[in-house]
Amino acid sequence: MSIILMLTASACFATMAAMIKGIGSSLPIPEIILFRSVLPLPFFLGTLAFRKKRLIVTAWKTLILRSLFGFLAMSGFYYALAHIPLAESVFLGRTQPLILALLAPWVIGEKPSHGVWAAIGAGLLGIVLIMEPSFGWTPAAWASIVGASASAMAHLLVRKLNRTDDPATIVTNFFVITALLSAAWTGPSFVMPEGNQWLLLLGVAVFSTFGQYLMTLAYRLDNAPVVAAASYASIMFSILYGYLFWQEIPPASAWAGGALIIAGSFILIRSRT
C-alpha cells in the first residue's frame, strides 16, 4: 500500500512541476509561491483546529531559517522549470538527498559512511554530465542546483523542528512565512492571473498539498528506504509530461547524468537500510 501511495504522490509532484512550467514566465516567481502558500492554508488551519494542535511552533528561530531556505528552494526550482526542460530540471532537483547527506555532518552531526561518500560522488558526476553538454552551466541550471541545496538545508532543519513541534504546525507556519515573504517580494509587480493561469495556480496548490499528504502517509506505513525508492517514479512522470506537452527528449548525456544521480540516491537509500 505504501508503494502505491508514494507512486501517486510522485505523480502529484510531477504534475505540479508540469503546471509550474506551464505558467512559465507569464507570472512572477514570487507570485506563484504566494498562491502556492496561501491556497492550502485553510486546509492546514482546519487540520490544526480539528486536532487541537498548537498554531505557532516552539522553535520559531529554526522555523524562520527553515522557511528562508524553503523559499529559496522553491524560487530556484520554479525558475529552472521555466527555463530548462522539465526532465533535466527534475534530474537536477533529485540531487537534494545527496546534498543533504553532504551537509548533514555540519548541520546535525551525522557522519557519512564510505557508501554515502560514493553516493555523493556519483551524484556530483551526474550533475556535470547533465549541465555541461546540455546547458553550459546556465543561470537556470545553477538555479536548480541552488534550489536543491536550499531544499536539503530546509529538510535538515525540519528534522530539528520535528523534535519539538507537530508536523502540521510546522507546515502551517512555513506557509504563513513564505506567503509573507513572497507578498513582500511581489509588491507592485503583482500581475493579476487570468483564465487558465488561475486553474494552473489552483492545480499547483492542490497537487502539491495532496502529494505531501500521500507522501506522509506512505512514510508512516513502511520503511523510509522503500518509500524513498518509490519516489523516483516522479522522474518518469516528468519525462512523460515533457515529451507530451513540450516535445522534450533528454539527450544521452542527461540520461547518463540522471542515471548516476539515481544510482547515487539508491546507494544512499541502501546505506540507510
Protein backbone atom coordinates (compact mmCIF):
# COMPACT_ATOMS: atom_id res chain seq x y z
CA MET A 1 0.00 0.00 0.00
CA SER A 2 2.85 2.41 0.84
CA ILE A 3 4.35 1.93 -2.64
CA ILE A 4 1.01 2.81 -4.30
CA LEU A 5 0.70 5.89 -2.08
CA MET A 6 4.24 7.04 -2.94
CA LEU A 7 3.74 6.42 -6.66
CA THR A 8 0.56 8.52 -6.54
CA ALA A 9 2.39 11.22 -4.58
CA SER A 10 5.18 11.19 -7.19
CA ALA A 11 2.60 11.65 -9.94
CA CYS A 12 1.17 14.60 -7.99
CA PHE A 13 4.58 16.26 -7.63
CA ALA A 14 5.40 15.73 -11.31
CA THR A 15 2.01 17.19 -12.28
CA MET A 16 2.68 20.19 -10.04
CA ALA A 17 6.06 20.73 -11.75
CA ALA A 18 4.46 20.50 -15.20
CA MET A 19 1.85 23.09 -14.19
CA ILE A 20 4.56 25.45 -12.94
CA LYS A 21 6.36 25.02 -16.25
CA GLY A 22 3.03 25.70 -17.98
CA ILE A 23 2.80 29.04 -16.15
CA GLY A 24 6.39 29.73 -17.21
CA SER A 25 7.41 33.38 -17.18
CA SER A 26 3.88 34.71 -17.55
CA LEU A 27 3.69 35.34 -13.78
CA PRO A 28 6.50 36.45 -11.42
CA ILE A 29 8.03 33.59 -9.42
CA PRO A 30 7.23 35.13 -6.01
CA GLU A 31 3.61 35.42 -7.08
CA ILE A 32 3.46 31.70 -7.90
CA ILE A 33 4.96 30.98 -4.46
CA LEU A 34 2.38 33.33 -2.90
CA PHE A 35 -0.57 31.40 -4.33
CA ARG A 36 1.21 28.09 -3.63
CA SER A 37 1.41 29.13 0.03
CA VAL A 38 -1.95 30.84 0.53
CA LEU A 39 -4.33 28.41 -1.19
CA PRO A 40 -3.53 25.36 1.02
CA LEU A 41 -3.62 27.40 4.27
CA PRO A 42 -7.35 26.86 5.04
CA PHE A 43 -6.82 23.09 4.84
CA PHE A 44 -3.89 23.11 7.27
CA LEU A 45 -5.51 25.63 9.65
CA GLY A 46 -8.61 23.43 9.71
CA THR A 47 -6.43 20.39 10.42
CA LEU A 48 -4.78 22.13 13.37
CA ALA A 49 -8.15 23.25 14.76
CA PHE A 50 -9.66 19.76 14.36
CA ARG A 51 -6.69 18.06 16.04
CA LYS A 52 -6.38 20.85 18.66
CA LYS A 53 -2.70 21.39 17.93
CA ARG A 54 -0.55 24.46 18.55
CA LEU A 55 -0.85 27.24 15.98
CA ILE A 56 2.73 28.52 16.45
CA VAL A 57 5.85 26.39 16.67
CA THR A 58 8.03 26.36 19.78
CA ALA A 59 11.36 26.58 17.94
CA TRP A 60 10.43 29.70 15.98
CA LYS A 61 14.03 30.70 15.19
CA THR A 62 14.66 27.35 13.50
CA LEU A 63 11.34 27.72 11.68
CA ILE A 64 12.36 31.10 10.25
CA LEU A 65 15.59 29.58 8.92
CA ARG A 66 13.67 26.61 7.51
CA SER A 67 11.24 28.99 5.80
CA LEU A 68 14.02 31.10 4.28
CA PHE A 69 15.74 28.04 2.83
CA GLY A 70 12.40 26.62 1.69
CA PHE A 71 11.56 29.89 -0.04
CA LEU A 72 14.95 29.89 -1.78
CA ALA A 73 14.43 26.25 -2.80
CA MET A 74 11.06 26.98 -4.40
CA SER A 75 12.42 30.09 -6.15
CA GLY A 76 15.32 28.15 -7.69
CA PHE A 77 13.18 25.19 -8.72
CA TYR A 78 10.42 27.33 -10.25
CA TYR A 79 12.92 29.46 -12.18
CA ALA A 80 14.62 26.33 -13.55
CA LEU A 81 11.28 24.85 -14.62
CA ALA A 82 10.51 27.96 -16.66
CA HIS A 83 13.85 27.96 -18.49
CA ILE A 84 15.17 24.41 -18.95
CA PRO A 85 13.48 21.13 -20.00
CA LEU A 86 11.26 19.51 -17.39
CA ALA A 87 13.14 16.18 -17.14
CA GLU A 88 16.57 17.80 -16.74
CA SER A 89 15.19 20.17 -14.10
CA VAL A 90 13.79 17.22 -12.14
CA PHE A 91 17.03 15.25 -12.56
CA LEU A 92 19.00 18.14 -11.04
CA GLY A 93 16.40 18.60 -8.30
CA ARG A 94 16.87 14.94 -7.36
CA THR A 95 20.37 15.74 -6.10
CA GLN A 96 18.68 17.05 -2.95
CA PRO A 97 19.13 13.88 -0.83
CA LEU A 98 22.79 13.66 -1.90
CA ILE A 99 23.42 17.30 -0.96
CA LEU A 100 21.55 16.65 2.29
CA ALA A 101 23.96 13.80 3.08
CA LEU A 102 26.89 16.10 2.27
CA LEU A 103 25.61 18.82 4.65
CA ALA A 104 24.42 16.53 7.46
CA PRO A 105 27.80 16.30 9.30
CA TRP A 106 27.92 20.07 9.78
CA VAL A 107 24.22 20.71 10.46
CA ILE A 108 23.03 17.77 12.59
CA GLY A 109 26.27 15.91 13.34
CA GLU A 110 25.63 12.81 11.20
CA LYS A 111 28.88 11.24 9.98
CA PRO A 112 28.65 9.80 6.43
CA SER A 113 29.85 6.24 5.74
CA HIS A 114 32.02 5.21 2.79
CA GLY A 115 28.84 4.25 0.91
CA VAL A 116 27.41 7.73 1.42
CA TRP A 117 30.57 9.31 0.03
CA ALA A 118 30.33 7.04 -3.03
CA ALA A 119 26.70 8.14 -3.48
CA ILE A 120 27.66 11.81 -3.26
CA GLY A 121 30.47 11.33 -5.80
CA ALA A 122 28.11 9.62 -8.26
CA GLY A 123 25.61 12.44 -7.87
CA LEU A 124 28.19 15.16 -8.46
CA LEU A 125 29.42 13.43 -11.61
CA GLY A 126 25.79 13.16 -12.75
CA ILE A 127 25.37 16.92 -12.32
CA VAL A 128 28.40 17.57 -14.53
CA LEU A 129 27.08 15.25 -17.25
CA ILE A 130 23.69 16.95 -17.27
CA MET A 131 24.83 20.56 -17.09
CA GLU A 132 27.98 20.70 -19.21
CA PRO A 133 26.78 19.28 -22.58
CA SER A 134 23.17 20.41 -22.27
CA PHE A 135 23.24 23.89 -20.75
CA GLY A 136 26.82 25.08 -20.37
CA TRP A 137 26.19 25.95 -16.72
CA THR A 138 23.47 28.50 -17.48
CA PRO A 139 21.77 30.56 -14.71
CA ALA A 140 18.69 28.30 -14.87
CA ALA A 141 20.79 25.16 -14.34
CA TRP A 142 22.59 26.82 -11.43
CA ALA A 143 19.20 27.87 -10.03
CA SER A 144 18.17 24.22 -9.94
CA ILE A 145 21.34 23.26 -8.05
CA VAL A 146 20.94 26.16 -5.61
CA GLY A 147 17.29 25.15 -5.14
CA ALA A 148 18.29 21.54 -4.40
CA SER A 149 20.93 22.72 -1.91
CA ALA A 150 18.47 25.04 -0.17
CA SER A 151 15.92 22.22 -0.08
CA ALA A 152 18.49 19.96 1.59
CA MET A 153 19.11 22.58 4.29
CA ALA A 154 15.37 23.03 4.76
CA HIS A 155 14.89 19.27 5.24
CA LEU A 156 17.69 19.12 7.81
CA LEU A 157 16.06 21.98 9.72
CA VAL A 158 12.68 20.20 9.55
CA ARG A 159 14.32 17.21 11.23
CA LYS A 160 15.34 19.55 14.04
CA LEU A 161 11.83 21.03 14.25
CA ASN A 162 10.24 17.57 14.44
CA ARG A 163 11.93 17.10 17.82
CA THR A 164 9.85 19.89 19.35
CA ASP A 165 6.78 20.52 17.16
CA ASP A 166 3.96 18.74 15.31
CA PRO A 167 4.44 18.38 11.51
CA ALA A 168 1.08 20.04 10.75
CA THR A 169 2.09 23.07 12.85
CA ILE A 170 5.47 23.24 11.09
CA VAL A 171 3.89 23.15 7.61
CA THR A 172 1.22 25.73 8.51
CA ASN A 173 3.79 28.15 9.92
CA PHE A 174 6.02 27.58 6.89
CA PHE A 175 3.19 28.52 4.51
CA VAL A 176 2.40 31.67 6.51
CA ILE A 177 6.02 32.87 6.41
CA THR A 178 6.55 32.06 2.72
CA ALA A 179 3.28 33.83 1.91
CA LEU A 180 4.53 36.95 3.70
CA LEU A 181 7.96 36.75 2.01
CA SER A 182 6.51 36.27 -1.46
CA ALA A 183 3.93 39.04 -0.95
CA ALA A 184 6.67 41.47 0.10
CA TRP A 185 8.85 40.45 -2.88
CA THR A 186 5.99 40.66 -5.38
CA GLY A 187 4.82 44.10 -4.20
CA PRO A 188 3.91 46.47 -7.04
CA SER A 189 4.96 43.92 -9.70
CA PHE A 190 1.88 41.79 -8.90
CA VAL A 191 0.15 40.58 -12.06
CA MET A 192 -3.50 39.54 -11.78
CA PRO A 193 -3.80 35.96 -13.10
CA GLU A 194 -6.20 35.39 -15.97
CA GLY A 195 -8.15 32.42 -17.31
CA ASN A 196 -6.02 29.28 -17.38
CA GLN A 197 -3.45 30.83 -15.06
CA TRP A 198 -5.96 30.58 -12.20
CA LEU A 199 -6.54 26.90 -12.98
CA LEU A 200 -2.80 26.21 -13.11
CA LEU A 201 -2.18 28.03 -9.81
CA LEU A 202 -5.02 26.12 -8.16
CA GLY A 203 -3.61 22.89 -9.61
CA VAL A 204 -0.14 23.67 -8.22
CA ALA A 205 -1.60 24.17 -4.73
CA VAL A 206 -3.89 21.10 -4.87
CA PHE A 207 -1.38 18.63 -6.32
CA SER A 208 1.48 19.76 -4.07
CA THR A 209 -0.71 19.55 -0.94
CA PHE A 210 -2.24 16.20 -1.92
CA GLY A 211 1.21 14.84 -2.83
CA GLN A 212 2.62 15.96 0.52
CA TYR A 213 -0.24 14.28 2.37
CA LEU A 214 0.12 10.99 0.46
CA MET A 215 3.89 11.00 0.96
CA THR A 216 3.43 11.47 4.72
CA LEU A 217 1.02 8.52 4.81
CA ALA A 218 3.45 6.37 2.82
CA TYR A 219 6.31 7.06 5.26
CA ARG A 220 4.05 6.13 8.19
CA LEU A 221 3.13 2.77 6.64
CA ASP A 222 6.53 1.45 5.53
CA ASN A 223 10.29 1.76 5.96
CA ALA A 224 11.73 5.06 4.74
CA PRO A 225 14.20 3.48 2.22
CA VAL A 226 11.39 1.56 0.48
CA VAL A 227 9.21 4.64 0.16
CA ALA A 228 12.13 6.84 -0.91
CA ALA A 229 12.97 4.39 -3.70
CA ALA A 230 9.37 4.56 -4.97
CA SER A 231 9.53 8.37 -5.02
CA TYR A 232 11.89 8.26 -8.01
CA ALA A 233 8.88 7.46 -10.19
CA SER A 234 8.43 11.25 -10.37
CA ILE A 235 11.32 11.32 -12.87
CA MET A 236 9.49 9.04 -15.28
CA PHE A 237 6.29 11.08 -14.95
CA SER A 238 8.29 14.26 -15.67
CA ILE A 239 9.92 12.75 -18.77
CA LEU A 240 6.45 11.74 -19.99
CA TYR A 241 4.98 15.21 -19.38
CA GLY A 242 7.97 16.87 -21.04
CA TYR A 243 7.54 14.76 -24.16
CA LEU A 244 3.73 15.06 -24.37
CA PHE A 245 3.42 18.80 -23.81
CA TRP A 246 6.74 20.30 -24.93
CA GLN A 247 8.20 17.56 -27.17
CA GLU A 248 11.29 17.45 -24.93
CA ILE A 249 13.58 14.43 -25.22
CA PRO A 250 16.58 14.42 -22.86
CA PRO A 251 19.95 13.99 -24.66
CA ALA A 252 22.14 10.96 -23.98
CA SER A 253 24.34 12.94 -21.57
CA ALA A 254 21.28 13.89 -19.48
CA TRP A 255 20.16 10.25 -19.35
CA ALA A 256 23.65 9.22 -18.20
CA GLY A 257 23.83 12.00 -15.62
CA GLY A 258 20.33 11.23 -14.38
CA ALA A 259 21.22 7.54 -14.07
CA LEU A 260 24.27 8.42 -11.93
CA ILE A 261 22.17 10.68 -9.68
CA ILE A 262 19.56 7.93 -9.26
CA ALA A 263 22.29 5.33 -8.65
CA GLY A 264 23.87 7.57 -6.01
CA SER A 265 20.49 8.04 -4.36
CA PHE A 266 19.88 4.29 -4.24
CA ILE A 267 23.31 3.76 -2.70
CA LEU A 268 22.28 6.35 -0.11
CA ILE A 269 18.96 4.57 0.47
CA ARG A 270 20.76 1.24 0.86
CA SER A 271 23.15 2.72 3.40
CA ARG A 272 20.15 3.82 5.46
CA THR A 273 18.58 0.34 5.44
